[in-house]
Amino acid sequence: MSLAPGTERAAQLISPLSPTMEPDDRTNRLRAEATRVRRSVVEMIGHARMGHIGGDLSSADILTTLFFAVLRLDPAVPTAPGRDRFILSKGHCAAALYSTLALRGFMPVEALSTFMQPQSALNGHPNRRKVPGVEANTGPLGHGLPIGVGAAIAAKLAKASWRTFVVLGDGELQEGSNWEAAMCAGHRRLDNLIAIVDRNRLQQGARTEDTNQLEPLADRWRSFGWETIECDGHDHAALYKAFTTSSVGRPRCVIARTLKGKGVSFIEDRVEWHHKVPSREQIELALKELV
């Protein structure tokens, strides 16, 4: 099944949910899309027998808010020069990204059934040469934000209006390359760059604070010259406000407080579900909860 878009036309760089939409209507639509993403993730990982279900579920509200209400994109013209750039630095959570891209129209929803299968474009980590809508190959942690900083600098040099958004895992912040990139972005006052931290407080094998203390995380970002906002990472209205409030002269970090495994009771806040795969019975139970 080809994932390539059809015949390209003049790009229509908009988000499907208008800024003038009633806030309650927007929130209800985003909640519905996030549930669809979570159900898709459970099915994809259950079928593939591999994946990173905990972080996929924690990031679903962030991704749907971005792709359906914030990012200026056109799935029919995924490489339009004026598009906003999105980078999933925590590339191991590819299932959530693929599901979001499919629901947004970048690929057929039917393609999701090929996740992790031999010769599939939908690898365990996103590949920009294989999947429309993917801006950067990610997987090795600590690379997405440096790429995003480079993209934001490029937009400034070109005097272009497009923006760059980067989603990072909180455990990933133990990589020093992120802080080098943060320092550069603060120095250059890249107000066209937004970093979003999926702050679920768990990483592979342990809690982040037991591995390498990150708190006070907001103060750390501020010390590098970033405007920093903390919000509930499952509150679509709060996320939308954090992503769309204007900022002048500084990059922005949104620390989205999330629950790993959000939406599935036996997965939530359990460290072993970083990459544990649900059984057939657990898949059925999870889908019953995700309504």
Foldseek 3Di string as FASTA:
>chain_A
DALAADDADPWQFDAQQDPPDDPVVVQVVLLVLLLQLLLLLQVLCQLLVWAFNQVLNFCSSVLSLCRRPNWGAGLNCLVPPQTAAEAEQQQLSLSSVVSNCCVSPNGPNVLSNCACPPPRCNDSGHDPVGGRRHDDTHHPFLPRLLVQLVVLVVCVVVVHDHAYEYEHEPLSVVDCSNVVSLLVQQVVLSQRYEYEYSPQQEDAPGGSCVVPNCPVVQVSSVVSREAEAEDAQNRSSVSNCQSPDHDPRHYYYYYHHTWGNPQQVVGTNDRVSSMRRDHPVSSVSSSVRSD
